[in-house]
Amino acid sequence: MPIIVNLDVMLARRKMTLSALAETVNITLANLSILKSGKAKAVRFSTLAAICQALECQPGDLLEHRPDPRDLRSADE
């Protein structure tokens, strides 16, 4: 998937556990784990905002776009 979730990186930088973040943001540990693993299909802006507030970061610190080279089409085609 071309969207990479860097939640584990931000948690390490803030020295916060996933459990502590789940409690602070008021989201289940299971749902936060799905997001952290990159298996989430969507994330609500309100959830993203709460995570950013708790971790004192920006959405771009958590989410990264890495296009799959196989998906890029040549301009020559």
Protein backbone atom coordinates (compact mmCIF):
# COMPACT_ATOMS: atom_id res chain seq x y z
CA MET A 1 0.00 0.00 0.00
CA PRO A 2 1.42 3.40 -0.89
CA ILE A 3 0.33 5.02 2.40
CA ILE A 4 2.78 4.26 5.21
CA VAL A 5 1.75 4.81 8.84
CA ASN A 6 4.66 5.95 11.01
CA LEU A 7 2.81 5.75 14.31
CA ASP A 8 5.44 3.48 15.84
CA VAL A 9 8.15 6.04 15.02
CA MET A 10 6.25 8.88 16.69
CA LEU A 11 5.45 6.73 19.73
CA ALA A 12 9.15 5.94 20.13
CA ARG A 13 10.12 9.61 19.75
CA ARG A 14 7.59 10.62 22.41
CA LYS A 15 8.46 7.63 24.61
CA MET A 16 4.80 6.67 24.78
CA THR A 17 3.29 3.20 24.65
CA LEU A 18 0.46 2.22 22.37
CA SER A 19 -1.65 1.52 25.46
CA ALA A 20 -1.02 4.99 26.86
CA LEU A 21 -1.94 6.57 23.52
CA ALA A 22 -5.11 4.47 23.30
CA GLU A 23 -6.16 5.69 26.74
CA THR A 24 -5.31 9.32 25.98
CA VAL A 25 -7.11 9.33 22.63
CA ASN A 26 -10.01 7.19 23.90
CA ILE A 27 -9.72 4.59 21.14
CA THR A 28 -9.50 0.85 21.60
CA LEU A 29 -6.06 -0.71 21.64
CA ALA A 30 -7.21 -3.09 18.89
CA ASN A 31 -8.19 -0.25 16.55
CA LEU A 32 -4.97 1.62 17.27
CA SER A 33 -2.99 -1.56 16.55
CA ILE A 34 -4.74 -1.90 13.19
CA LEU A 35 -3.79 1.67 12.36
CA LYS A 36 -0.20 1.17 13.53
CA SER A 37 0.22 -1.97 11.42
CA GLY A 38 -0.97 -0.16 8.30
CA LYS A 39 -3.95 -2.47 7.89
CA ALA A 40 -6.56 0.26 8.45
CA LYS A 41 -8.68 1.10 5.41
CA ALA A 42 -9.56 4.56 6.75
CA VAL A 43 -9.04 6.91 9.66
CA ARG A 44 -11.41 9.62 10.82
CA PHE A 45 -10.05 13.13 10.88
CA SER A 46 -11.21 13.46 14.48
CA THR A 47 -9.13 10.40 15.42
CA LEU A 48 -6.13 11.67 13.48
CA ALA A 49 -6.46 15.07 15.17
CA ALA A 50 -6.64 13.46 18.62
CA ILE A 51 -3.54 11.34 17.92
CA CYS A 52 -1.67 14.41 16.65
CA GLN A 53 -2.65 16.37 19.75
CA ALA A 54 -1.55 13.56 22.07
CA LEU A 55 1.77 13.09 20.26
CA GLU A 56 2.29 16.81 19.58
CA CYS A 57 2.84 16.22 15.88
CA GLN A 58 1.37 16.91 12.46
CA PRO A 59 -0.55 14.43 10.28
CA GLY A 60 2.43 14.36 7.91
CA ASP A 61 4.55 13.01 10.77
CA LEU A 62 2.24 10.00 10.97
CA LEU A 63 1.30 9.39 7.35
CA GLU A 64 3.62 9.10 4.37
CA HIS A 65 2.89 8.47 0.71
CA ARG A 66 5.27 6.11 -1.09
CA PRO A 67 3.98 5.31 -4.55
CA ASP A 68 4.51 1.78 -5.78
CA PRO A 69 6.77 2.03 -8.84
CA ARG A 70 4.65 -0.62 -10.52
CA ASP A 71 1.66 1.75 -10.29
CA LEU A 72 3.47 4.61 -12.00
CA ARG A 73 2.85 4.72 -15.69
CA SER A 74 5.41 5.98 -18.10
CA ALA A 75 4.55 9.15 -19.99
CA ASP A 76 5.52 7.28 -23.13
CA GLU A 77 2.65 4.79 -22.85
